[in-house]
Amino acid sequence: MSERRKIRLQISPEAERYVRRDAPLEVRRLAAGGALPLPPVELVTVLFVLAHDADAGVKDRARQSLEKLPDGVLGAALAGPANPAVLAWCAEAFRDSAERLEPIALNAHTEDRTIAFLAGLPHKRIVDIVSNNQERMLRCPEIVDALGTNPLTGRSVIDRILSFLGLEGGERELGDEPDDDFTSAQPEPVTDADARALLETLLGDDVSGFARELIEDGVEADEETQKSLHALVQRMSVFEKVKLARVGNQEARALLVRDRNKLVAAAAVRSPKVTDNEVLAFSKARNVSDEVLRIIARNPDWTRSYQVKHALAANPKTPQQTAIKFLNYLQDRDLRGIMRSKDIPAVVVTHARRILQRKEK
């Protein structure tokens, strides 16, 4: 967002007289006060130009005037046909105000890279707005990357994005309601052919050699190959990783489920090819995100397995309320094992002790 570039602004002659290079300093200083008879978009554009003026006094006054503009005026400008550079600059300037960022997030004139910047900010409302724009996400993987690493990107947003990529949730806890925010027509899901084409694009026309280890079942990779596969996956974009999760083999899923991006990790565990043994391994893993463990815990087919229930209850990474829920299904010897563990949160250990005490009465 801080990249410097040449900007061409189209403004009316009335607005131009305040910002032209030969405009007298006094005229620029007066204009920087913001009291100009201009439409909102042009007023904000003039203040944007003056906020980059060579004169420090003009620059500071223009920035202060922008910040103090009435919400009605500023909102109309940020929702209107403003120059993308103006919108990008305002996104930076108002990064702490979700109310002022909202019209920027909704504005069709806003550049995708500005939307990607907004997607990474700590504003739940902005995350929701950005994640509802399928067209932008499909053409700009950086937006999906930002959403996937934003702590405020919750379950419904992850479900929404993976759903239109062809990876349905398949899990819902008792009492959960469907996500009504996502009602638009869904694109065609990612097919195996699409995902294989992804690897062909990434690796060349001949998907062979160690790349086969990511897409062909039953091929085991040695330690050196695993390092090469890890490096290859790390070079992929979020969208490429999600597509690989759709068609990749167990080796690919083992790499992707540990990805720092929640969307990628969720896509790996939701792969239609994932096996019960993999689910059990993920349930035991200490190096997966809590989102992966939540997904497993909400899937009634997977949690029919006693081993999965036990693994989730005994995994320190499992959200505490989820772990406590599964304690009620465990045998006494496994409850005692949890009580003896030094890694499991104290609240889970305490609950296990209470269950045992009730049984012994």
Protein backbone atom coordinates (compact mmCIF):
# COMPACT_ATOMS: atom_id res chain seq x y z
CA MET A 1 0.00 0.00 0.00
CA SER A 2 2.95 2.34 0.46
CA GLU A 3 4.26 1.88 -3.09
CA ARG A 4 4.81 5.18 -4.88
CA ARG A 5 3.41 5.52 -8.39
CA LYS A 6 2.39 8.17 -10.88
CA ILE A 7 -1.28 9.10 -10.54
CA ARG A 8 -3.45 10.77 -13.16
CA LEU A 9 -6.41 12.60 -11.66
CA GLN A 10 -9.30 13.95 -13.69
CA ILE A 11 -10.94 16.90 -11.96
CA SER A 12 -12.96 19.88 -13.04
CA PRO A 13 -11.31 23.23 -13.88
CA GLU A 14 -12.90 24.64 -10.70
CA ALA A 15 -11.14 22.03 -8.55
CA GLU A 16 -7.93 22.13 -10.55
CA ARG A 17 -7.26 25.77 -9.75
CA TYR A 18 -6.66 24.82 -6.11
CA VAL A 19 -4.08 22.13 -6.81
CA ARG A 20 -2.27 23.09 -10.01
CA ARG A 21 1.49 23.44 -9.71
CA ASP A 22 1.45 27.19 -10.28
CA ALA A 23 -1.35 27.81 -7.76
CA PRO A 24 -0.27 30.46 -5.22
CA LEU A 25 0.68 29.14 -1.79
CA GLU A 26 -2.09 31.17 -0.15
CA VAL A 27 -4.68 29.59 -2.46
CA ARG A 28 -3.41 26.11 -1.61
CA ARG A 29 -3.44 26.88 2.10
CA LEU A 30 -6.99 28.20 1.90
CA ALA A 31 -8.12 25.13 -0.05
CA ALA A 32 -6.43 22.83 2.47
CA GLY A 33 -8.93 24.10 5.03
CA GLY A 34 -11.60 22.08 3.22
CA ALA A 35 -14.21 24.84 2.94
CA LEU A 36 -14.60 24.56 -0.86
CA PRO A 37 -17.77 24.73 -2.98
CA LEU A 38 -17.12 21.34 -4.58
CA PRO A 39 -19.00 18.02 -4.82
CA PRO A 40 -17.84 15.44 -2.22
CA VAL A 41 -15.69 13.38 -4.61
CA GLU A 42 -13.84 16.43 -5.93
CA LEU A 43 -13.44 17.91 -2.46
CA VAL A 44 -11.79 14.74 -1.17
CA THR A 45 -9.65 14.53 -4.34
CA VAL A 46 -8.42 18.10 -3.84
CA LEU A 47 -7.59 17.40 -0.19
CA PHE A 48 -5.82 14.19 -1.24
CA VAL A 49 -3.58 16.15 -3.64
CA LEU A 50 -2.91 18.86 -1.08
CA ALA A 51 -2.07 16.20 1.53
CA HIS A 52 0.93 15.47 -0.71
CA ASP A 53 1.86 19.14 -1.23
CA ALA A 54 5.48 20.20 -1.03
CA ASP A 55 4.61 22.76 1.65
CA ALA A 56 4.44 21.08 5.08
CA GLY A 57 1.77 23.50 6.31
CA VAL A 58 -0.50 22.79 3.36
CA LYS A 59 0.09 19.05 3.70
CA ASP A 60 -0.74 18.91 7.42
CA ARG A 61 -3.80 21.14 7.13
CA ALA A 62 -5.21 19.11 4.23
CA ARG A 63 -4.84 15.85 6.16
CA GLN A 64 -6.53 17.35 9.20
CA SER A 65 -9.36 18.64 7.03
CA LEU A 66 -9.87 15.19 5.52
CA GLU A 67 -10.11 13.62 8.96
CA LYS A 68 -12.60 16.25 10.13
CA LEU A 69 -14.93 16.10 7.13
CA PRO A 70 -18.56 15.40 8.13
CA ASP A 71 -19.43 11.71 7.82
CA GLY A 72 -22.09 12.50 5.23
CA VAL A 73 -19.64 14.31 2.94
CA LEU A 74 -16.79 11.84 3.37
CA GLY A 75 -19.12 8.84 3.04
CA ALA A 76 -20.56 10.18 -0.22
CA ALA A 77 -17.04 10.73 -1.59
CA LEU A 78 -15.76 7.29 -0.63
CA ALA A 79 -18.85 5.65 -2.11
CA GLY A 80 -18.66 7.65 -5.32
CA PRO A 81 -16.55 7.47 -8.51
CA ALA A 82 -13.33 8.51 -6.79
CA ASN A 83 -9.91 7.76 -8.25
CA PRO A 84 -8.63 4.37 -7.01
CA ALA A 85 -5.48 6.04 -5.68
CA VAL A 86 -7.60 8.38 -3.56
CA LEU A 87 -9.55 5.42 -2.20
CA ALA A 88 -6.33 3.52 -1.47
CA TRP A 89 -4.87 6.48 0.40
CA CYS A 90 -8.07 6.94 2.42
CA ALA A 91 -8.04 3.24 3.28
CA GLU A 92 -4.64 3.75 4.88
CA ALA A 93 -5.63 7.02 6.53
CA PHE A 94 -8.84 5.63 8.04
CA ARG A 95 -7.60 2.12 8.78
CA ASP A 96 -8.84 2.35 12.37
CA SER A 97 -12.41 3.33 11.45
CA ALA A 98 -14.63 0.51 10.17
CA GLU A 99 -17.41 3.01 9.48
CA ARG A 100 -15.25 5.02 7.08
CA LEU A 101 -13.73 1.93 5.48
CA GLU A 102 -17.10 0.37 4.68
CA PRO A 103 -17.91 2.53 1.61
CA ILE A 104 -14.38 1.89 0.30
CA ALA A 105 -14.89 -1.87 0.66
CA LEU A 106 -18.20 -1.61 -1.22
CA ASN A 107 -16.97 0.74 -3.95
CA ALA A 108 -16.52 -0.84 -7.40
CA HIS A 109 -13.80 1.76 -8.13
CA THR A 110 -11.60 0.45 -5.32
CA GLU A 111 -8.62 -1.54 -6.59
CA ASP A 112 -8.28 -5.21 -5.68
CA ARG A 113 -5.00 -4.61 -3.85
CA THR A 114 -6.76 -2.04 -1.65
CA ILE A 115 -9.46 -4.61 -0.90
CA ALA A 116 -6.72 -7.09 0.01
CA PHE A 117 -5.34 -4.50 2.43
CA LEU A 118 -8.80 -4.03 3.96
CA ALA A 119 -9.24 -7.81 4.26
CA GLY A 120 -6.33 -7.97 6.66
CA LEU A 121 -7.60 -5.26 9.04
CA PRO A 122 -9.20 -6.08 12.42
CA HIS A 123 -12.76 -5.11 11.47
CA LYS A 124 -15.37 -7.88 11.41
CA ARG A 125 -17.82 -5.89 9.28
CA ILE A 126 -15.15 -5.25 6.62
CA VAL A 127 -14.16 -8.93 6.60
CA ASP A 128 -17.80 -9.85 5.98
CA ILE A 129 -18.17 -7.34 3.14
CA VAL A 130 -14.97 -8.42 1.40
CA SER A 131 -15.73 -12.13 1.73
CA ASN A 132 -19.10 -11.70 0.01
CA ASN A 133 -17.51 -10.47 -3.22
CA GLN A 134 -16.80 -13.69 -5.12
CA GLU A 135 -15.69 -11.93 -8.30
CA ARG A 136 -12.92 -10.02 -6.54
CA MET A 137 -11.70 -13.07 -4.64
CA LEU A 138 -11.55 -15.18 -7.77
CA ARG A 139 -9.45 -12.66 -9.66
CA CYS A 140 -7.25 -11.59 -6.74
CA PRO A 141 -5.83 -14.42 -4.60
CA GLU A 142 -4.19 -11.84 -2.32
CA ILE A 143 -7.66 -11.04 -0.94
CA VAL A 144 -8.21 -14.67 0.01
CA ASP A 145 -4.72 -14.83 1.50
CA ALA A 146 -5.47 -11.80 3.70
CA LEU A 147 -8.82 -13.21 4.80
CA GLY A 148 -7.25 -16.56 5.62
CA THR A 149 -4.68 -15.02 7.95
CA ASN A 150 -7.03 -12.51 9.62
CA PRO A 151 -7.94 -13.67 13.16
CA LEU A 152 -11.42 -12.21 12.64
CA THR A 153 -12.16 -14.49 9.70
CA GLY A 154 -14.63 -16.83 11.35
CA ARG A 155 -16.24 -20.13 10.51
CA SER A 156 -19.02 -18.68 8.33
CA VAL A 157 -16.53 -16.79 6.14
CA ILE A 158 -14.31 -19.85 5.72
CA ASP A 159 -17.39 -21.95 4.89
CA ARG A 160 -18.54 -19.35 2.37
CA ILE A 161 -15.25 -19.19 0.48
CA LEU A 162 -14.61 -22.91 0.44
CA SER A 163 -18.20 -23.55 -0.60
CA PHE A 164 -17.90 -21.58 -3.82
CA LEU A 165 -14.59 -23.34 -4.46
CA GLY A 166 -16.40 -26.67 -4.37
CA LEU A 167 -15.39 -27.78 -0.87
CA GLU A 168 -18.63 -28.03 1.06
CA GLY A 169 -18.52 -27.93 4.85
CA GLY A 170 -20.32 -31.15 5.63
CA GLU A 171 -20.22 -30.40 9.34
CA ARG A 172 -22.63 -28.59 11.61
CA GLU A 173 -23.15 -28.81 15.31
CA LEU A 174 -26.60 -29.27 16.79
CA GLY A 175 -28.39 -25.93 16.81
CA ASP A 176 -26.25 -24.34 14.09
CA GLU A 177 -28.12 -22.36 11.46
CA PRO A 178 -27.20 -22.14 7.78
CA ASP A 179 -25.30 -19.06 6.69
CA ASP A 180 -27.95 -16.84 5.12
CA ASP A 181 -25.45 -14.18 4.06
CA PHE A 182 -24.33 -16.24 1.10
CA THR A 183 -27.31 -16.61 -1.22
CA SER A 184 -25.92 -15.67 -4.62
CA ALA A 185 -25.42 -18.14 -7.45
CA GLN A 186 -22.37 -20.29 -6.86
CA PRO A 187 -19.63 -20.82 -9.46
CA GLU A 188 -18.87 -24.28 -10.75
CA PRO A 189 -16.87 -26.27 -8.17
CA VAL A 190 -13.23 -27.05 -8.76
CA THR A 191 -12.90 -30.39 -10.56
CA ASP A 192 -10.04 -32.86 -10.57
CA ALA A 193 -9.23 -31.73 -14.11
CA ASP A 194 -9.04 -28.10 -12.96
CA ALA A 195 -6.70 -28.96 -10.13
CA ARG A 196 -4.45 -31.13 -12.30
CA ALA A 197 -4.30 -28.26 -14.79
CA LEU A 198 -3.12 -26.10 -11.91
CA LEU A 199 -0.10 -28.33 -11.36
CA GLU A 200 0.60 -28.49 -15.08
CA THR A 201 0.65 -24.69 -15.17
CA LEU A 202 2.87 -24.55 -12.13
CA LEU A 203 5.31 -27.25 -13.16
CA GLY A 204 5.16 -27.40 -16.95
CA ASP A 205 3.27 -29.61 -19.39
CA ASP A 206 4.73 -32.82 -17.99
CA VAL A 207 3.64 -33.32 -14.42
CA SER A 208 6.26 -35.87 -13.52
CA GLY A 209 9.15 -36.49 -11.18
CA PHE A 210 8.66 -35.47 -7.57
CA ALA A 211 5.48 -33.48 -8.46
CA ARG A 212 3.71 -36.83 -8.86
CA GLU A 213 4.04 -37.18 -5.11
CA LEU A 214 1.38 -34.50 -4.67
CA ILE A 215 -1.31 -35.88 -6.95
CA GLU A 216 -0.88 -39.64 -7.35
CA ASP A 217 -2.13 -41.98 -4.63
CA GLY A 218 0.07 -44.75 -3.36
CA VAL A 219 3.38 -42.99 -4.11
CA GLU A 220 5.62 -42.58 -1.08
CA ALA A 221 8.05 -39.68 -0.83
CA ASP A 222 11.46 -39.96 0.77
CA GLU A 223 12.75 -37.29 3.14
CA GLU A 224 14.55 -35.29 0.45
CA THR A 225 11.49 -35.31 -1.80
CA GLN A 226 9.29 -34.19 1.08
CA LYS A 227 11.49 -31.13 1.53
CA SER A 228 11.16 -30.34 -2.18
CA LEU A 229 7.38 -30.79 -2.01
CA HIS A 230 7.19 -28.49 0.98
CA ALA A 231 9.14 -25.82 -0.90
CA LEU A 232 6.89 -26.23 -3.93
CA VAL A 233 3.70 -25.87 -1.88
CA GLN A 234 5.04 -22.80 -0.12
CA ARG A 235 5.45 -21.08 -3.51
CA MET A 236 1.78 -21.62 -4.36
CA SER A 237 -0.88 -18.95 -3.91
CA VAL A 238 -3.77 -19.56 -1.53
CA PHE A 239 -6.08 -20.41 -4.42
CA GLU A 240 -3.55 -22.85 -5.83
CA LYS A 241 -3.22 -24.55 -2.45
CA VAL A 242 -7.00 -24.81 -2.07
CA LYS A 243 -7.26 -26.37 -5.52
CA LEU A 244 -4.46 -28.77 -4.67
CA ALA A 245 -6.37 -29.77 -1.54
CA ARG A 246 -9.23 -30.78 -3.84
CA VAL A 247 -7.20 -33.15 -6.01
CA GLY A 248 -3.99 -33.80 -4.08
CA ASN A 249 -3.06 -37.05 -2.40
CA GLN A 250 -2.35 -37.80 1.25
CA GLU A 251 1.13 -36.29 0.98
CA ALA A 252 -0.33 -33.00 -0.26
CA ARG A 253 -2.98 -32.92 2.45
CA ALA A 254 -0.40 -33.58 5.16
CA LEU A 255 1.46 -30.45 4.03
CA LEU A 256 -1.59 -28.27 3.46
CA VAL A 257 -3.36 -29.05 6.73
CA ARG A 258 -0.48 -27.38 8.59
CA ASP A 259 -0.58 -24.21 6.47
CA ARG A 260 -0.73 -20.94 8.41
CA ASN A 261 -3.68 -19.81 6.27
CA LYS A 262 -6.92 -21.05 7.81
CA LEU A 263 -8.60 -21.41 4.42
CA VAL A 264 -5.87 -23.71 3.13
CA ALA A 265 -5.84 -25.85 6.27
CA ALA A 266 -9.64 -26.10 6.22
CA ALA A 267 -9.60 -27.07 2.54
CA ALA A 268 -7.14 -29.87 3.29
CA VAL A 269 -9.24 -31.46 6.02
CA ARG A 270 -12.39 -31.05 3.91
CA SER A 271 -10.90 -32.69 0.85
CA PRO A 272 -13.31 -35.28 -0.59
CA LYS A 273 -10.38 -37.69 -0.65
CA VAL A 274 -9.49 -37.43 3.03
CA THR A 275 -9.53 -40.78 4.84
CA ASP A 276 -10.59 -41.77 8.35
CA ASN A 277 -6.97 -42.52 9.23
CA GLU A 278 -5.95 -39.02 8.15
CA VAL A 279 -8.74 -37.48 10.22
CA LEU A 280 -7.51 -39.39 13.26
CA ALA A 281 -3.93 -38.24 12.61
CA PHE A 282 -5.11 -34.62 12.26
CA SER A 283 -7.08 -34.96 15.52
CA LYS A 284 -3.91 -35.97 17.34
CA ALA A 285 -1.61 -33.42 15.69
CA ARG A 286 -0.21 -30.57 17.78
CA ASN A 287 0.87 -28.60 14.71
CA VAL A 288 -2.54 -27.96 13.15
CA SER A 289 -4.74 -24.93 13.77
CA ASP A 290 -7.70 -24.99 16.13
CA GLU A 291 -9.91 -24.38 13.08
CA VAL A 292 -8.95 -27.80 11.69
CA LEU A 293 -9.87 -29.40 15.01
CA ARG A 294 -13.18 -27.52 15.08
CA ILE A 295 -14.04 -28.81 11.62
CA ILE A 296 -13.33 -32.38 12.67
CA ALA A 297 -15.31 -31.96 15.88
CA ARG A 298 -18.37 -30.71 13.99
CA ASN A 299 -18.44 -33.62 11.56
CA PRO A 300 -20.82 -36.29 12.93
CA ASP A 301 -19.40 -38.99 10.67
CA TRP A 302 -15.86 -38.52 11.95
CA THR A 303 -16.78 -38.14 15.61
CA ARG A 304 -18.61 -41.47 15.66
CA SER A 305 -15.13 -42.89 16.11
CA TYR A 306 -14.12 -43.31 19.75
CA GLN A 307 -10.49 -42.78 18.76
CA VAL A 308 -11.29 -39.39 17.23
CA LYS A 309 -13.27 -38.34 20.31
CA HIS A 310 -10.37 -39.34 22.52
CA ALA A 311 -7.80 -37.60 20.30
CA LEU A 312 -9.78 -34.34 20.30
CA ALA A 313 -10.32 -34.42 24.05
CA ALA A 314 -6.61 -35.08 24.67
CA ASN A 315 -5.22 -32.55 22.18
CA PRO A 316 -4.10 -29.30 23.88
CA LYS A 317 -4.86 -27.42 20.64
CA THR A 318 -8.55 -28.39 20.69
CA PRO A 319 -10.78 -25.48 21.83
CA GLN A 320 -11.54 -26.12 25.50
CA GLN A 321 -15.33 -26.29 25.24
CA THR A 322 -15.01 -28.78 22.39
CA ALA A 323 -12.56 -30.93 24.35
CA ILE A 324 -14.83 -30.89 27.40
CA LYS A 325 -17.78 -32.04 25.30
CA PHE A 326 -15.93 -35.18 24.23
CA LEU A 327 -14.79 -36.04 27.77
CA ASN A 328 -18.28 -37.34 28.44
CA TYR A 329 -17.72 -40.18 25.95
CA LEU A 330 -14.38 -41.39 27.27
CA GLN A 331 -13.61 -44.52 29.22
CA ASP A 332 -12.21 -44.23 32.74
CA ARG A 333 -8.66 -45.18 31.77
CA ASP A 334 -8.56 -42.42 29.13
CA LEU A 335 -9.99 -39.88 31.55
CA ARG A 336 -7.20 -40.77 33.98
CA GLY A 337 -4.66 -40.37 31.19
CA ILE A 338 -5.96 -36.85 30.55
CA MET A 339 -5.77 -36.07 34.26
CA ARG A 340 -2.09 -37.07 34.30
CA SER A 341 -1.18 -35.00 31.23
CA LYS A 342 0.89 -31.86 31.76
CA ASP A 343 0.01 -30.42 28.35
CA ILE A 344 -3.77 -30.34 28.54
CA PRO A 345 -5.39 -27.12 29.85
CA ALA A 346 -6.28 -27.17 33.55
CA VAL A 347 -9.98 -26.60 32.92
CA VAL A 348 -10.16 -29.76 30.78
CA VAL A 349 -8.23 -31.77 33.37
CA THR A 350 -10.55 -30.52 36.14
CA HIS A 351 -13.62 -31.52 34.16
CA ALA A 352 -12.19 -35.00 33.55
CA ARG A 353 -11.62 -35.37 37.29
CA ARG A 354 -15.22 -34.35 38.04
CA ILE A 355 -16.58 -36.91 35.59
CA LEU A 356 -14.54 -39.67 37.23
CA GLN A 357 -15.64 -38.57 40.71
CA ARG A 358 -19.29 -38.70 39.67
CA LYS A 359 -18.83 -42.20 38.27
CA GLU A 360 -17.19 -43.46 41.47
CA LYS A 361 -20.00 -42.30 43.74
